[in-house]
Amino acid sequence: MNYGEKNDIARSPTLQTVLMVEKFIDENSGEFTKTQVFNNLPKKVMWQTFQVIMEYLEGINKIAYDKEGYVVYV
């Protein structure tokens, strides 16, 4: 295994973490920007892991960003 592969594994979120972030956004839809969501999560998550989760949720159309940059649950 090379360093790049290990780094990808380190940033791979668990299902529990993905669901925690999704639930937080659902309950606070439109109230926070991406950085504010990160800073207000019930449990701390590494920024890189959080980025992977946000890209995933956006990719499957669970979240979107309004024109001011607030995260909205779709």
N, C-alpha and C. Protein backbone atom coordinates (compact mmCIF):
# COMPACT_ATOMS: atom_id res chain seq x y z
N MET A 1 0.85 -1.18 0.00
CA MET A 1 0.00 0.00 0.00
C MET A 1 0.89 1.24 0.00
N ASN A 2 0.62 2.16 -0.92
CA ASN A 2 1.42 3.38 -0.92
C ASN A 2 0.76 4.45 -0.05
N TYR A 3 1.47 5.55 0.13
CA TYR A 3 1.00 6.61 1.03
C TYR A 3 -0.36 7.16 0.61
N GLY A 4 -0.58 7.36 -0.68
CA GLY A 4 -1.84 7.90 -1.19
C GLY A 4 -3.03 7.04 -0.81
N GLU A 5 -2.86 5.71 -0.91
CA GLU A 5 -3.96 4.82 -0.55
C GLU A 5 -4.26 4.91 0.94
N LYS A 6 -3.23 4.97 1.75
CA LYS A 6 -3.43 5.07 3.20
C LYS A 6 -4.16 6.37 3.53
N ASN A 7 -3.78 7.44 2.86
CA ASN A 7 -4.40 8.73 3.09
C ASN A 7 -5.89 8.70 2.73
N ASP A 8 -6.24 8.02 1.61
CA ASP A 8 -7.64 7.90 1.23
C ASP A 8 -8.44 7.15 2.29
N ILE A 9 -7.85 6.10 2.85
CA ILE A 9 -8.52 5.33 3.89
C ILE A 9 -8.73 6.20 5.13
N ALA A 10 -7.76 7.00 5.47
CA ALA A 10 -7.85 7.86 6.65
C ALA A 10 -9.01 8.84 6.52
N ARG A 11 -9.36 9.22 5.29
CA ARG A 11 -10.43 10.19 5.08
C ARG A 11 -11.77 9.54 4.79
N SER A 12 -11.81 8.22 4.74
CA SER A 12 -13.07 7.53 4.45
C SER A 12 -13.97 7.55 5.68
N PRO A 13 -15.13 8.21 5.57
CA PRO A 13 -16.02 8.30 6.73
C PRO A 13 -16.76 6.99 6.99
N THR A 14 -17.07 6.76 8.24
CA THR A 14 -17.92 5.61 8.57
C THR A 14 -19.37 5.98 8.26
N LEU A 15 -20.20 4.97 8.12
CA LEU A 15 -21.63 5.21 7.88
C LEU A 15 -22.21 6.04 9.02
N GLN A 16 -21.82 5.74 10.23
CA GLN A 16 -22.31 6.48 11.39
C GLN A 16 -21.99 7.98 11.27
N THR A 17 -20.81 8.31 10.81
CA THR A 17 -20.41 9.71 10.66
C THR A 17 -21.20 10.38 9.54
N VAL A 18 -21.38 9.69 8.42
CA VAL A 18 -22.18 10.24 7.31
C VAL A 18 -23.59 10.53 7.79
N LEU A 19 -24.19 9.58 8.51
CA LEU A 19 -25.56 9.76 8.99
C LEU A 19 -25.66 10.89 10.01
N MET A 20 -24.64 11.06 10.86
CA MET A 20 -24.63 12.15 11.84
C MET A 20 -24.64 13.50 11.12
N VAL A 21 -23.78 13.64 10.11
CA VAL A 21 -23.71 14.90 9.36
C VAL A 21 -25.03 15.14 8.62
N GLU A 22 -25.56 14.11 7.98
CA GLU A 22 -26.82 14.26 7.24
C GLU A 22 -27.96 14.66 8.18
N LYS A 23 -28.05 14.02 9.34
CA LYS A 23 -29.10 14.35 10.30
C LYS A 23 -28.96 15.79 10.80
N PHE A 24 -27.74 16.21 11.09
CA PHE A 24 -27.51 17.58 11.55
C PHE A 24 -27.96 18.59 10.50
N ILE A 25 -27.62 18.33 9.24
CA ILE A 25 -28.02 19.25 8.17
C ILE A 25 -29.54 19.25 8.00
N ASP A 26 -30.15 18.07 8.07
CA ASP A 26 -31.61 17.97 7.96
C ASP A 26 -32.29 18.79 9.05
N GLU A 27 -31.81 18.68 10.27
CA GLU A 27 -32.43 19.38 11.41
C GLU A 27 -32.13 20.88 11.42
N ASN A 28 -31.09 21.31 10.70
CA ASN A 28 -30.69 22.71 10.70
C ASN A 28 -30.61 23.27 9.28
N SER A 29 -31.46 22.77 8.41
CA SER A 29 -31.42 23.13 7.00
C SER A 29 -31.52 24.65 6.79
N GLY A 30 -30.56 25.19 6.06
CA GLY A 30 -30.57 26.60 5.72
C GLY A 30 -30.06 27.53 6.80
N GLU A 31 -29.63 26.99 7.94
CA GLU A 31 -29.20 27.82 9.06
C GLU A 31 -27.70 28.07 9.11
N PHE A 32 -26.91 27.20 8.47
CA PHE A 32 -25.46 27.27 8.59
C PHE A 32 -24.78 27.21 7.23
N THR A 33 -23.62 27.85 7.13
CA THR A 33 -22.75 27.66 5.97
C THR A 33 -21.99 26.34 6.20
N LYS A 34 -21.25 25.92 5.20
CA LYS A 34 -20.49 24.67 5.29
C LYS A 34 -19.55 24.67 6.50
N THR A 35 -18.79 25.75 6.67
CA THR A 35 -17.86 25.83 7.79
C THR A 35 -18.59 25.84 9.13
N GLN A 36 -19.73 26.52 9.19
CA GLN A 36 -20.51 26.56 10.42
C GLN A 36 -21.09 25.19 10.75
N VAL A 37 -21.50 24.44 9.72
CA VAL A 37 -21.96 23.06 9.95
C VAL A 37 -20.83 22.27 10.59
N PHE A 38 -19.65 22.35 9.99
CA PHE A 38 -18.48 21.63 10.50
C PHE A 38 -18.22 21.98 11.97
N ASN A 39 -18.27 23.25 12.30
CA ASN A 39 -17.96 23.70 13.66
C ASN A 39 -19.05 23.40 14.68
N ASN A 40 -20.25 23.07 14.23
CA ASN A 40 -21.36 22.83 15.15
C ASN A 40 -21.82 21.38 15.23
N LEU A 41 -21.12 20.48 14.55
CA LEU A 41 -21.50 19.06 14.60
C LEU A 41 -21.43 18.55 16.04
N PRO A 42 -22.31 17.59 16.40
CA PRO A 42 -22.29 17.05 17.76
C PRO A 42 -20.99 16.34 18.13
N LYS A 43 -20.32 15.74 17.14
CA LYS A 43 -19.02 15.10 17.37
C LYS A 43 -18.03 15.68 16.39
N LYS A 44 -16.78 15.80 16.82
CA LYS A 44 -15.74 16.34 15.96
C LYS A 44 -15.38 15.35 14.86
N VAL A 45 -15.15 15.91 13.68
CA VAL A 45 -14.79 15.14 12.50
C VAL A 45 -13.60 15.84 11.86
N MET A 46 -12.69 15.09 11.28
CA MET A 46 -11.58 15.72 10.56
C MET A 46 -12.13 16.48 9.35
N TRP A 47 -11.54 17.63 9.04
CA TRP A 47 -12.02 18.47 7.93
C TRP A 47 -12.03 17.69 6.62
N GLN A 48 -10.97 16.90 6.36
CA GLN A 48 -10.91 16.15 5.11
C GLN A 48 -12.05 15.14 5.03
N THR A 49 -12.36 14.49 6.14
CA THR A 49 -13.45 13.53 6.19
C THR A 49 -14.78 14.25 5.96
N PHE A 50 -14.94 15.40 6.59
CA PHE A 50 -16.15 16.21 6.42
C PHE A 50 -16.32 16.61 4.95
N GLN A 51 -15.22 16.98 4.30
CA GLN A 51 -15.28 17.35 2.88
C GLN A 51 -15.79 16.18 2.03
N VAL A 52 -15.29 14.98 2.31
CA VAL A 52 -15.72 13.79 1.58
C VAL A 52 -17.23 13.58 1.77
N ILE A 53 -17.71 13.73 2.99
CA ILE A 53 -19.13 13.54 3.29
C ILE A 53 -19.97 14.58 2.55
N MET A 54 -19.55 15.84 2.59
CA MET A 54 -20.31 16.90 1.93
C MET A 54 -20.36 16.69 0.42
N GLU A 55 -19.24 16.28 -0.17
CA GLU A 55 -19.22 16.00 -1.62
C GLU A 55 -20.16 14.84 -1.94
N TYR A 56 -20.15 13.82 -1.10
CA TYR A 56 -21.03 12.67 -1.29
C TYR A 56 -22.50 13.09 -1.21
N LEU A 57 -22.87 13.82 -0.16
CA LEU A 57 -24.27 14.23 0.02
C LEU A 57 -24.73 15.14 -1.12
N GLU A 58 -23.85 16.00 -1.59
CA GLU A 58 -24.19 16.86 -2.72
C GLU A 58 -24.32 16.02 -4.00
N GLY A 59 -23.44 15.05 -4.17
CA GLY A 59 -23.45 14.20 -5.35
C GLY A 59 -24.69 13.34 -5.49
N ILE A 60 -25.29 12.96 -4.36
CA ILE A 60 -26.53 12.16 -4.41
C ILE A 60 -27.76 13.03 -4.19
N ASN A 61 -27.58 14.34 -4.32
CA ASN A 61 -28.67 15.32 -4.24
C ASN A 61 -29.43 15.31 -2.92
N LYS A 62 -28.71 15.10 -1.83
CA LYS A 62 -29.31 15.20 -0.50
C LYS A 62 -29.18 16.62 0.05
N ILE A 63 -28.12 17.33 -0.39
CA ILE A 63 -27.92 18.71 0.05
C ILE A 63 -27.65 19.60 -1.16
N ALA A 64 -27.86 20.89 -0.94
CA ALA A 64 -27.51 21.91 -1.95
C ALA A 64 -27.08 23.15 -1.18
N TYR A 65 -26.58 24.12 -1.90
CA TYR A 65 -26.16 25.38 -1.29
C TYR A 65 -27.01 26.50 -1.87
N ASP A 66 -27.54 27.37 -1.00
CA ASP A 66 -28.30 28.50 -1.52
C ASP A 66 -27.34 29.58 -2.01
N LYS A 67 -27.88 30.68 -2.54
CA LYS A 67 -27.01 31.69 -3.14
C LYS A 67 -26.10 32.39 -2.15
N GLU A 68 -26.43 32.33 -0.84
CA GLU A 68 -25.54 32.90 0.18
C GLU A 68 -24.55 31.87 0.73
N GLY A 69 -24.62 30.64 0.27
CA GLY A 69 -23.69 29.61 0.71
C GLY A 69 -24.16 28.78 1.89
N TYR A 70 -25.44 28.90 2.26
CA TYR A 70 -25.97 28.11 3.36
C TYR A 70 -26.32 26.71 2.85
N VAL A 71 -26.10 25.72 3.70
CA VAL A 71 -26.36 24.33 3.35
C VAL A 71 -27.84 24.03 3.57
N VAL A 72 -28.48 23.49 2.54
CA VAL A 72 -29.91 23.19 2.59
C VAL A 72 -30.11 21.70 2.35
N TYR A 73 -30.93 21.08 3.18
CA TYR A 73 -31.26 19.66 2.99
C TYR A 73 -32.37 19.57 1.95
N VAL A 74 -32.17 18.74 0.94
CA VAL A 74 -33.13 18.65 -0.16
C VAL A 74 -34.16 17.59 0.14
